[in-house]
Amino acid sequence: MKRMTQATAYEHVVINEAGVPTLEGTTMKVIELVLETAAYGWSPDELQFQHPYLTLGQIHSALAYYWDHKEELDHDIEQRLERVEEIRRAVGPSPLVARLKSKGLLP
């Protein structure tokens, strides 16, 4: 069964079946590129170097989509980070972290 996507006014950017803006024909989410730009300070050229299967046109289109929908996508990023923290708290520290702490190798 083919997954359904919704076109946008931005070339290369579609809304996937989960309502998430992605680059057409890939699994790359717009927010993934945005987070890499924020975390590492990567330029569009560096993003393309790190993801050679993407074109500069795709990257620029994704970044333009982000800036035109910044509030909505920033809210999505916040929700995702909150969910990660919920999972982290529920799971607790890894056994490796516990062993390292018990040996005084981690604070």
N, C-alpha and C. Protein backbone atom coordinates (compact mmCIF):
# COMPACT_ATOMS: atom_id res chain seq x y z
N MET A 1 0.84 -1.18 0.00
CA MET A 1 0.00 0.00 0.00
C MET A 1 0.89 1.25 0.00
N LYS A 2 0.63 2.14 -0.91
CA LYS A 2 1.43 3.36 -1.02
C LYS A 2 1.04 4.35 0.06
N ARG A 3 2.05 4.95 0.68
CA ARG A 3 1.79 5.96 1.70
C ARG A 3 1.37 7.26 1.03
N MET A 4 0.48 7.94 1.67
CA MET A 4 -0.04 9.18 1.11
C MET A 4 0.72 10.37 1.70
N THR A 5 1.08 11.31 0.84
CA THR A 5 1.69 12.53 1.29
C THR A 5 0.90 13.69 0.71
N GLN A 6 1.08 14.84 1.30
CA GLN A 6 0.39 16.05 0.85
C GLN A 6 1.44 17.04 0.36
N ALA A 7 1.23 17.56 -0.84
CA ALA A 7 2.15 18.53 -1.40
C ALA A 7 2.07 19.84 -0.62
N THR A 8 3.15 20.61 -0.68
CA THR A 8 3.18 21.94 -0.08
C THR A 8 3.54 22.94 -1.18
N ALA A 9 3.55 24.20 -0.85
CA ALA A 9 3.96 25.23 -1.80
C ALA A 9 5.47 25.26 -1.97
N TYR A 10 6.18 24.43 -1.22
CA TYR A 10 7.65 24.39 -1.24
C TYR A 10 8.09 23.18 -2.05
N GLU A 11 8.84 23.46 -3.11
CA GLU A 11 9.35 22.36 -3.90
C GLU A 11 10.17 21.44 -3.00
N HIS A 12 9.99 20.16 -3.14
CA HIS A 12 10.71 19.11 -2.40
C HIS A 12 10.12 18.80 -1.02
N VAL A 13 9.29 19.67 -0.44
CA VAL A 13 8.75 19.44 0.90
C VAL A 13 7.31 18.95 0.79
N VAL A 14 7.05 17.82 1.44
CA VAL A 14 5.70 17.26 1.51
C VAL A 14 5.36 17.01 2.98
N ILE A 15 4.09 16.90 3.25
CA ILE A 15 3.62 16.53 4.59
C ILE A 15 3.32 15.03 4.53
N ASN A 16 4.01 14.25 5.38
CA ASN A 16 3.81 12.80 5.33
C ASN A 16 2.51 12.41 6.01
N GLU A 17 2.22 11.12 6.01
CA GLU A 17 0.95 10.62 6.55
C GLU A 17 0.79 10.89 8.04
N ALA A 18 1.89 11.17 8.74
CA ALA A 18 1.84 11.50 10.17
C ALA A 18 1.72 13.01 10.39
N GLY A 19 1.65 13.78 9.30
CA GLY A 19 1.52 15.23 9.41
C GLY A 19 2.84 15.95 9.61
N VAL A 20 3.95 15.27 9.29
CA VAL A 20 5.28 15.84 9.52
C VAL A 20 5.89 16.27 8.18
N PRO A 21 6.39 17.51 8.10
CA PRO A 21 7.04 17.95 6.87
C PRO A 21 8.34 17.20 6.63
N THR A 22 8.44 16.58 5.46
CA THR A 22 9.62 15.80 5.09
C THR A 22 10.05 16.19 3.68
N LEU A 23 11.25 15.77 3.33
CA LEU A 23 11.72 15.97 1.96
C LEU A 23 11.18 14.83 1.10
N GLU A 24 10.53 15.19 0.03
CA GLU A 24 9.88 14.22 -0.85
C GLU A 24 10.85 13.15 -1.31
N GLY A 25 10.41 11.90 -1.23
CA GLY A 25 11.22 10.78 -1.67
C GLY A 25 12.27 10.34 -0.67
N THR A 26 12.26 10.93 0.52
CA THR A 26 13.21 10.57 1.57
C THR A 26 12.45 10.39 2.88
N THR A 27 13.17 9.99 3.89
CA THR A 27 12.60 9.95 5.25
C THR A 27 13.09 11.14 6.07
N MET A 28 13.83 12.06 5.45
CA MET A 28 14.41 13.20 6.14
C MET A 28 13.33 14.22 6.51
N LYS A 29 13.20 14.46 7.80
CA LYS A 29 12.25 15.45 8.30
C LYS A 29 12.89 16.84 8.25
N VAL A 30 12.07 17.84 7.97
CA VAL A 30 12.56 19.22 7.96
C VAL A 30 13.21 19.55 9.30
N ILE A 31 12.59 19.13 10.40
CA ILE A 31 13.14 19.48 11.71
C ILE A 31 14.48 18.81 11.98
N GLU A 32 14.77 17.69 11.32
CA GLU A 32 16.08 17.07 11.50
C GLU A 32 17.18 17.99 10.95
N LEU A 33 16.94 18.57 9.80
CA LEU A 33 17.92 19.50 9.23
C LEU A 33 18.04 20.75 10.10
N VAL A 34 16.91 21.22 10.60
CA VAL A 34 16.91 22.42 11.44
C VAL A 34 17.70 22.15 12.73
N LEU A 35 17.48 21.00 13.34
CA LEU A 35 18.18 20.66 14.57
C LEU A 35 19.68 20.51 14.34
N GLU A 36 20.07 19.95 13.20
CA GLU A 36 21.49 19.84 12.90
C GLU A 36 22.11 21.22 12.70
N THR A 37 21.37 22.11 12.07
CA THR A 37 21.85 23.48 11.89
C THR A 37 22.04 24.15 13.25
N ALA A 38 21.07 23.97 14.14
CA ALA A 38 21.14 24.60 15.46
C ALA A 38 22.22 23.96 16.33
N ALA A 39 22.31 22.64 16.32
CA ALA A 39 23.24 21.94 17.20
C ALA A 39 24.69 22.09 16.76
N TYR A 40 24.93 22.02 15.47
CA TYR A 40 26.30 22.00 14.97
C TYR A 40 26.70 23.26 14.22
N GLY A 41 25.75 24.15 13.97
CA GLY A 41 26.04 25.37 13.22
C GLY A 41 26.31 25.10 11.75
N TRP A 42 25.76 23.99 11.24
CA TRP A 42 26.03 23.60 9.86
C TRP A 42 25.32 24.51 8.88
N SER A 43 26.03 24.90 7.86
CA SER A 43 25.49 25.67 6.74
C SER A 43 24.77 24.71 5.79
N PRO A 44 24.01 25.24 4.83
CA PRO A 44 23.41 24.35 3.83
C PRO A 44 24.45 23.49 3.10
N ASP A 45 25.62 24.07 2.81
CA ASP A 45 26.67 23.28 2.15
C ASP A 45 27.14 22.13 3.04
N GLU A 46 27.29 22.40 4.35
CA GLU A 46 27.72 21.33 5.27
C GLU A 46 26.63 20.29 5.42
N LEU A 47 25.38 20.72 5.47
CA LEU A 47 24.27 19.76 5.53
C LEU A 47 24.31 18.84 4.32
N GLN A 48 24.59 19.40 3.15
CA GLN A 48 24.65 18.59 1.93
C GLN A 48 25.85 17.65 1.97
N PHE A 49 26.96 18.11 2.53
CA PHE A 49 28.14 17.24 2.69
C PHE A 49 27.81 16.07 3.61
N GLN A 50 27.10 16.35 4.70
CA GLN A 50 26.75 15.31 5.67
C GLN A 50 25.66 14.38 5.15
N HIS A 51 24.84 14.87 4.24
CA HIS A 51 23.74 14.08 3.65
C HIS A 51 23.85 14.15 2.13
N PRO A 52 24.81 13.46 1.55
CA PRO A 52 25.07 13.60 0.12
C PRO A 52 23.91 13.15 -0.77
N TYR A 53 22.95 12.44 -0.23
CA TYR A 53 21.79 12.02 -1.00
C TYR A 53 20.77 13.16 -1.15
N LEU A 54 20.99 14.28 -0.46
CA LEU A 54 20.13 15.45 -0.58
C LEU A 54 20.79 16.48 -1.49
N THR A 55 19.96 17.19 -2.24
CA THR A 55 20.49 18.27 -3.07
C THR A 55 20.43 19.57 -2.27
N LEU A 56 21.21 20.55 -2.71
CA LEU A 56 21.13 21.86 -2.07
C LEU A 56 19.74 22.46 -2.22
N GLY A 57 19.09 22.18 -3.34
CA GLY A 57 17.72 22.65 -3.53
C GLY A 57 16.78 22.09 -2.48
N GLN A 58 16.91 20.81 -2.18
CA GLN A 58 16.07 20.19 -1.14
C GLN A 58 16.35 20.83 0.21
N ILE A 59 17.61 21.04 0.51
CA ILE A 59 17.99 21.61 1.81
C ILE A 59 17.48 23.03 1.95
N HIS A 60 17.69 23.84 0.94
CA HIS A 60 17.21 25.23 1.00
C HIS A 60 15.69 25.29 1.09
N SER A 61 15.02 24.41 0.39
CA SER A 61 13.55 24.37 0.45
C SER A 61 13.08 24.00 1.85
N ALA A 62 13.75 23.02 2.47
CA ALA A 62 13.40 22.61 3.83
C ALA A 62 13.62 23.75 4.82
N LEU A 63 14.74 24.44 4.68
CA LEU A 63 15.03 25.55 5.60
C LEU A 63 14.06 26.70 5.38
N ALA A 64 13.69 26.97 4.14
CA ALA A 64 12.70 28.01 3.87
C ALA A 64 11.35 27.63 4.49
N TYR A 65 10.99 26.36 4.37
CA TYR A 65 9.74 25.90 4.98
C TYR A 65 9.78 26.13 6.49
N TYR A 66 10.91 25.79 7.11
CA TYR A 66 11.04 26.00 8.55
C TYR A 66 10.83 27.47 8.92
N TRP A 67 11.53 28.38 8.25
CA TRP A 67 11.44 29.79 8.63
C TRP A 67 10.05 30.35 8.41
N ASP A 68 9.33 29.82 7.44
CA ASP A 68 7.96 30.29 7.20
C ASP A 68 6.94 29.63 8.14
N HIS A 69 7.34 28.57 8.84
CA HIS A 69 6.47 27.84 9.77
C HIS A 69 7.16 27.65 11.12
N LYS A 70 8.02 28.59 11.47
CA LYS A 70 8.90 28.48 12.63
C LYS A 70 8.15 28.17 13.93
N GLU A 71 7.11 28.93 14.22
CA GLU A 71 6.40 28.74 15.49
C GLU A 71 5.84 27.33 15.60
N GLU A 72 5.20 26.86 14.55
CA GLU A 72 4.62 25.52 14.55
C GLU A 72 5.68 24.44 14.69
N LEU A 73 6.78 24.57 13.96
CA LEU A 73 7.82 23.56 14.02
C LEU A 73 8.61 23.62 15.32
N ASP A 74 8.83 24.81 15.86
CA ASP A 74 9.49 24.91 17.17
C ASP A 74 8.64 24.24 18.24
N HIS A 75 7.32 24.37 18.14
CA HIS A 75 6.43 23.70 19.09
C HIS A 75 6.56 22.18 18.94
N ASP A 76 6.63 21.70 17.72
CA ASP A 76 6.81 20.26 17.47
C ASP A 76 8.12 19.78 18.07
N ILE A 77 9.19 20.55 17.90
CA ILE A 77 10.49 20.18 18.47
C ILE A 77 10.40 20.11 19.99
N GLU A 78 9.75 21.10 20.62
CA GLU A 78 9.58 21.10 22.08
C GLU A 78 8.83 19.86 22.55
N GLN A 79 7.76 19.50 21.86
CA GLN A 79 6.99 18.32 22.23
C GLN A 79 7.83 17.06 22.12
N ARG A 80 8.63 16.96 21.07
CA ARG A 80 9.48 15.78 20.89
C ARG A 80 10.53 15.70 22.00
N LEU A 81 11.12 16.83 22.38
CA LEU A 81 12.11 16.84 23.46
C LEU A 81 11.48 16.47 24.80
N GLU A 82 10.26 16.95 25.04
CA GLU A 82 9.56 16.58 26.27
C GLU A 82 9.29 15.08 26.31
N ARG A 83 8.92 14.50 25.18
CA ARG A 83 8.66 13.06 25.11
C ARG A 83 9.94 12.27 25.38
N VAL A 84 11.06 12.74 24.85
CA VAL A 84 12.35 12.07 25.10
C VAL A 84 12.66 12.09 26.60
N GLU A 85 12.43 13.23 27.25
CA GLU A 85 12.69 13.33 28.69
C GLU A 85 11.76 12.41 29.48
N GLU A 86 10.50 12.30 29.07
CA GLU A 86 9.57 11.38 29.74
C GLU A 86 10.08 9.95 29.64
N ILE A 87 10.51 9.56 28.47
CA ILE A 87 11.03 8.20 28.25
C ILE A 87 12.29 8.00 29.07
N ARG A 88 13.17 8.98 29.06
CA ARG A 88 14.43 8.88 29.82
C ARG A 88 14.15 8.68 31.30
N ARG A 89 13.20 9.45 31.84
CA ARG A 89 12.85 9.31 33.27
C ARG A 89 12.23 7.94 33.55
N ALA A 90 11.37 7.48 32.64
CA ALA A 90 10.70 6.18 32.84
C ALA A 90 11.70 5.02 32.79
N VAL A 91 12.66 5.10 31.91
CA VAL A 91 13.63 4.02 31.73
C VAL A 91 14.68 4.03 32.83
N GLY A 92 15.06 5.22 33.26
CA GLY A 92 16.10 5.34 34.27
C GLY A 92 17.48 5.20 33.66
N PRO A 93 18.50 5.27 34.52
CA PRO A 93 19.87 5.19 34.00
C PRO A 93 20.17 3.81 33.43
N SER A 94 21.05 3.78 32.46
CA SER A 94 21.44 2.50 31.86
C SER A 94 22.26 1.70 32.86
N PRO A 95 22.29 0.38 32.72
CA PRO A 95 23.12 -0.44 33.60
C PRO A 95 24.60 -0.04 33.55
N LEU A 96 25.06 0.38 32.39
CA LEU A 96 26.45 0.81 32.26
C LEU A 96 26.71 2.04 33.11
N VAL A 97 25.83 3.02 33.06
CA VAL A 97 25.99 4.23 33.87
C VAL A 97 25.98 3.86 35.35
N ALA A 98 25.07 2.98 35.75
CA ALA A 98 25.01 2.56 37.15
C ALA A 98 26.32 1.90 37.59
N ARG A 99 26.88 1.03 36.75
CA ARG A 99 28.16 0.36 37.08
C ARG A 99 29.29 1.37 37.19
N LEU A 100 29.35 2.32 36.24
CA LEU A 100 30.41 3.32 36.27
C LEU A 100 30.30 4.20 37.51
N LYS A 101 29.07 4.54 37.89
CA LYS A 101 28.88 5.35 39.10
C LYS A 101 29.28 4.57 40.34
N SER A 102 28.95 3.28 40.37
CA SER A 102 29.29 2.47 41.55
C SER A 102 30.80 2.31 41.70
N LYS A 103 31.53 2.43 40.61
CA LYS A 103 32.99 2.33 40.65
C LYS A 103 33.66 3.69 40.78
N GLY A 104 32.83 4.73 40.94
CA GLY A 104 33.36 6.08 41.10
C GLY A 104 33.91 6.69 39.82
N LEU A 105 33.55 6.12 38.69
CA LEU A 105 34.08 6.62 37.43
C LEU A 105 33.18 7.71 36.82
N LEU A 106 31.99 7.86 37.37
CA LEU A 106 31.08 8.95 36.97
C LEU A 106 30.53 9.59 38.23
N PRO A 107 30.27 10.89 38.14
CA PRO A 107 29.72 11.57 39.34
C PRO A 107 28.29 11.14 39.61
